[in-house]
N, C-alpha and C. Protein backbone atom coordinates (compact mmCIF):
# COMPACT_ATOMS: atom_id res chain seq x y z
N MET A 1 -2.98 23.68 -30.76
CA MET A 1 -3.23 22.96 -29.42
C MET A 1 -4.39 22.15 -29.07
N VAL A 2 -4.40 20.91 -28.94
CA VAL A 2 -5.54 20.38 -28.77
C VAL A 2 -6.14 20.53 -27.24
N ALA A 3 -7.15 20.76 -26.84
CA ALA A 3 -7.35 20.58 -25.04
C ALA A 3 -8.69 19.47 -24.81
N ILE A 4 -8.18 18.55 -23.45
CA ILE A 4 -8.47 17.07 -23.17
C ILE A 4 -8.86 17.55 -21.76
N ALA A 5 -10.73 17.16 -21.77
CA ALA A 5 -10.43 17.41 -20.46
C ALA A 5 -10.84 15.41 -20.08
N PHE A 6 -10.74 15.14 -19.22
CA PHE A 6 -10.87 13.96 -18.23
C PHE A 6 -12.36 13.48 -16.98
N LYS A 7 -12.13 12.14 -17.38
CA LYS A 7 -13.80 12.52 -16.65
C LYS A 7 -13.04 10.95 -15.83
N LYS A 8 -13.17 10.69 -14.46
CA LYS A 8 -13.25 9.07 -13.95
C LYS A 8 -14.15 8.42 -14.98
N ALA A 9 -13.62 6.62 -14.60
CA ALA A 9 -14.18 5.92 -15.90
C ALA A 9 -15.22 5.52 -14.93
N SER A 10 -15.81 5.47 -13.39
CA SER A 10 -16.91 5.12 -13.16
C SER A 10 -18.17 6.25 -13.68
N ASP A 11 -17.51 7.58 -14.26
CA ASP A 11 -18.20 9.15 -14.01
C ASP A 11 -18.82 8.58 -16.01
N VAL A 12 -18.47 7.53 -16.74
CA VAL A 12 -18.39 7.82 -17.46
C VAL A 12 -19.69 6.89 -18.05
N SER A 13 -20.47 7.27 -19.10
CA SER A 13 -22.11 6.58 -19.21
C SER A 13 -21.91 5.85 -20.44
N ASN A 14 -22.70 4.10 -20.66
CA ASN A 14 -22.04 3.59 -21.82
C ASN A 14 -22.68 4.19 -22.96
N SER A 15 -24.00 5.20 -23.37
CA SER A 15 -23.97 6.23 -24.04
C SER A 15 -23.27 6.81 -24.03
N GLU A 16 -22.61 7.56 -23.38
CA GLU A 16 -21.26 8.79 -23.40
C GLU A 16 -20.07 7.63 -24.30
N ILE A 17 -19.53 6.55 -23.76
CA ILE A 17 -18.54 5.91 -24.72
C ILE A 17 -19.32 5.42 -26.31
N SER A 18 -20.29 5.19 -26.63
CA SER A 18 -20.57 4.92 -27.70
C SER A 18 -20.81 6.53 -28.77
N ALA A 19 -21.49 7.49 -28.23
CA ALA A 19 -21.04 8.63 -28.96
C ALA A 19 -19.35 9.53 -28.79
N ILE A 20 -18.25 8.68 -28.04
CA ILE A 20 -17.13 9.05 -28.32
C ILE A 20 -16.86 7.94 -29.48
N ASP A 21 -17.22 6.63 -29.39
CA ASP A 21 -16.82 6.01 -30.37
C ASP A 21 -17.00 5.93 -31.79
N SER A 22 -18.40 6.68 -32.14
CA SER A 22 -18.87 6.81 -33.44
C SER A 22 -19.06 7.91 -33.91
N THR A 23 -18.29 9.02 -33.08
CA THR A 23 -18.32 10.80 -34.07
C THR A 23 -16.88 10.80 -33.94
N PRO A 24 -16.60 11.14 -35.05
CA PRO A 24 -15.37 11.46 -35.47
C PRO A 24 -15.21 12.92 -34.90
N ILE A 25 -13.55 13.15 -34.39
CA ILE A 25 -13.08 14.48 -33.42
C ILE A 25 -12.91 15.11 -34.45
N LEU A 26 -11.68 14.73 -35.06
CA LEU A 26 -11.07 15.92 -36.27
C LEU A 26 -11.25 14.93 -37.78
N THR A 27 -11.21 16.19 -38.59
CA THR A 27 -10.66 15.88 -40.07
C THR A 27 -10.21 16.08 -40.84
N ASN A 28 -9.45 17.40 -39.90
CA ASN A 28 -8.30 18.07 -40.45
C ASN A 28 -6.99 17.33 -40.16
N GLY A 29 -6.28 16.95 -41.22
CA GLY A 29 -5.03 15.59 -40.97
C GLY A 29 -3.44 16.59 -40.06
N THR A 30 -3.32 17.81 -40.47
CA THR A 30 -2.57 17.82 -39.44
C THR A 30 -2.95 18.05 -37.88
N GLU A 31 -4.42 18.14 -37.43
CA GLU A 31 -4.91 17.78 -36.61
C GLU A 31 -4.87 16.87 -35.84
N ARG A 32 -5.01 15.79 -36.89
CA ARG A 32 -4.91 14.31 -36.51
C ARG A 32 -3.16 14.14 -36.10
N GLU A 33 -2.35 14.79 -37.51
CA GLU A 33 -0.98 14.58 -37.03
C GLU A 33 -0.62 14.95 -35.31
N GLU A 34 -0.81 16.39 -35.09
CA GLU A 34 -1.07 16.75 -33.88
C GLU A 34 -1.56 15.26 -32.64
N ILE A 35 -2.47 15.06 -32.72
CA ILE A 35 -3.44 14.09 -32.11
C ILE A 35 -2.51 12.92 -31.57
N ALA A 36 -1.93 12.34 -32.79
CA ALA A 36 -1.20 10.63 -33.00
C ALA A 36 0.08 10.68 -32.43
N LEU A 37 0.93 12.31 -32.36
CA LEU A 37 2.09 12.90 -31.89
C LEU A 37 2.02 12.40 -30.17
N TYR A 38 0.99 13.56 -29.84
CA TYR A 38 0.71 13.69 -28.22
C TYR A 38 0.36 12.21 -27.52
N LEU A 39 -0.65 11.48 -28.24
CA LEU A 39 -0.72 9.64 -27.97
C LEU A 39 0.47 8.87 -27.86
N ALA A 40 1.33 9.94 -28.93
CA ALA A 40 2.77 8.38 -29.01
C ALA A 40 3.63 8.98 -27.45
N GLN A 41 3.44 10.28 -27.48
CA GLN A 41 4.41 11.06 -26.25
C GLN A 41 3.80 10.46 -25.30
N MET A 42 2.27 10.38 -24.78
CA MET A 42 1.90 10.12 -23.41
C MET A 42 1.59 8.18 -23.39
N THR A 43 2.22 7.69 -24.36
CA THR A 43 1.89 6.20 -23.82
C THR A 43 2.75 5.80 -23.93
N GLY A 44 4.49 6.84 -24.23
CA GLY A 44 5.72 6.73 -23.98
C GLY A 44 5.56 7.09 -22.34
N GLU A 45 5.64 7.83 -21.99
CA GLU A 45 5.34 8.23 -20.90
C GLU A 45 4.76 7.52 -19.78
N LEU A 46 3.48 6.38 -20.11
CA LEU A 46 2.82 5.70 -19.47
C LEU A 46 3.49 3.94 -19.31
N ALA A 47 4.21 4.10 -20.76
CA ALA A 47 5.09 2.58 -20.34
C ALA A 47 6.34 3.01 -19.75
N ALA A 48 6.95 3.66 -19.41
CA ALA A 48 7.92 4.11 -18.54
C ALA A 48 7.69 4.13 -16.95
N LEU A 49 6.71 4.42 -17.04
CA LEU A 49 5.71 4.73 -15.90
C LEU A 49 5.91 3.02 -15.42
N ALA A 50 5.16 2.30 -16.56
CA ALA A 50 4.57 1.00 -16.12
C ALA A 50 5.52 -0.32 -15.69
N ARG A 51 6.77 0.41 -16.48
CA ARG A 51 7.49 -0.89 -16.13
C ARG A 51 8.75 -0.36 -15.20
N SER A 52 8.37 0.58 -14.67
CA SER A 52 9.30 1.47 -13.71
C SER A 52 9.28 0.46 -11.86
N ALA A 53 7.68 0.55 -12.70
CA ALA A 53 6.51 -0.07 -11.23
C ALA A 53 6.43 -1.87 -11.45
N GLN A 54 7.85 -2.30 -12.09
CA GLN A 54 7.68 -3.91 -12.44
C GLN A 54 6.13 -3.98 -13.35
N TYR A 55 4.65 -3.61 -13.99
CA TYR A 55 4.04 -3.66 -14.74
C TYR A 55 4.45 -4.22 -15.96
N ASP A 56 5.39 -4.82 -16.26
CA ASP A 56 5.91 -5.06 -17.80
C ASP A 56 5.32 -5.50 -18.79
N LEU A 57 4.30 -6.06 -19.01
CA LEU A 57 3.14 -6.21 -19.76
C LEU A 57 2.31 -5.52 -19.73
N LEU A 58 2.30 -4.75 -18.91
CA LEU A 58 1.67 -3.12 -19.26
C LEU A 58 2.25 -1.97 -20.12
N GLY A 59 3.70 -2.18 -19.40
CA GLY A 59 4.82 -1.60 -20.13
C GLY A 59 4.50 -2.19 -21.95
N TYR A 60 4.85 -2.92 -21.76
CA TYR A 60 4.71 -3.80 -23.33
C TYR A 60 3.62 -2.95 -24.46
N PHE A 61 2.40 -3.17 -23.61
CA PHE A 61 1.55 -2.74 -24.30
C PHE A 61 1.21 -1.28 -24.56
N LEU A 62 1.27 -0.97 -23.37
CA LEU A 62 1.32 0.82 -23.77
C LEU A 62 2.98 0.90 -24.91
N GLU A 63 3.74 0.48 -24.81
CA GLU A 63 4.73 0.31 -25.90
C GLU A 63 4.23 0.47 -27.20
N MET A 64 4.01 -0.37 -27.37
CA MET A 64 3.26 -1.30 -28.59
C MET A 64 1.95 -0.10 -29.69
N ALA A 65 1.23 0.44 -28.33
CA ALA A 65 0.64 1.66 -28.56
C ALA A 65 0.98 3.21 -29.23
N ARG A 66 2.58 3.38 -28.58
CA ARG A 66 3.29 4.45 -28.90
C ARG A 66 3.83 3.88 -30.10
N ILE A 67 4.23 2.73 -30.69
CA ILE A 67 4.47 2.48 -32.13
C ILE A 67 3.10 2.69 -32.88
N GLU A 68 2.02 2.69 -32.67
CA GLU A 68 1.23 2.48 -33.53
C GLU A 68 1.03 3.63 -33.62
N ALA A 69 1.16 4.36 -32.53
CA ALA A 69 0.77 6.29 -32.57
C ALA A 69 1.15 6.29 -33.80
N LYS A 70 2.89 6.48 -33.41
CA LYS A 70 3.91 7.18 -34.16
C LYS A 70 3.41 7.19 -35.49
N GLY A 71 2.69 5.98 -35.41
CA GLY A 71 2.43 5.50 -37.45
C GLY A 71 1.70 6.25 -37.80
N HIS A 72 0.96 6.24 -37.09
CA HIS A 72 -0.07 7.39 -37.46
C HIS A 72 0.10 8.67 -37.74
N ALA A 73 0.91 8.72 -37.04
CA ALA A 73 1.48 10.66 -37.32
C ALA A 73 2.91 10.38 -37.89
N GLY A 74 2.81 9.53 -38.88
CA GLY A 74 3.74 9.26 -40.28
C GLY A 74 4.88 9.65 -39.86
N VAL A 75 5.76 9.58 -38.26
CA VAL A 75 6.96 9.27 -38.35
C VAL A 75 7.65 8.37 -38.24
N LEU A 76 7.05 6.89 -38.64
CA LEU A 76 7.85 5.68 -38.72
C LEU A 76 7.51 5.80 -40.09
N ARG A 77 8.17 5.80 -41.16
CA ARG A 77 8.36 5.63 -42.63
C ARG A 77 9.07 5.31 -42.90
N ALA A 78 8.56 3.81 -43.96
CA ALA A 78 9.46 3.14 -44.56
C ALA A 78 10.67 3.92 -45.55
N PRO A 79 11.67 3.46 -45.66
CA PRO A 79 12.85 3.71 -46.47
C PRO A 79 12.52 3.75 -47.91
N ASN A 80 12.15 4.54 -48.49
CA ASN A 80 12.33 4.37 -49.88
C ASN A 80 12.93 3.77 -50.84
């Protein structure tokens, strides 16, 4: 399981963002798949929440992120 800590966006410096963007977190394929599945689950829940609050465009983008994450997790594979 992956532990994730959150900071308020206003507390994150530009150097921290650059470090996050340029540093690969994991190299293990199984861990990467777990993260992709977690991202798919969270973005799906956020999409539903956004739509329930009538933020339809935000819901749409979050749904696209969910589909992208599922693709990275290998959940969406083309039939042979």
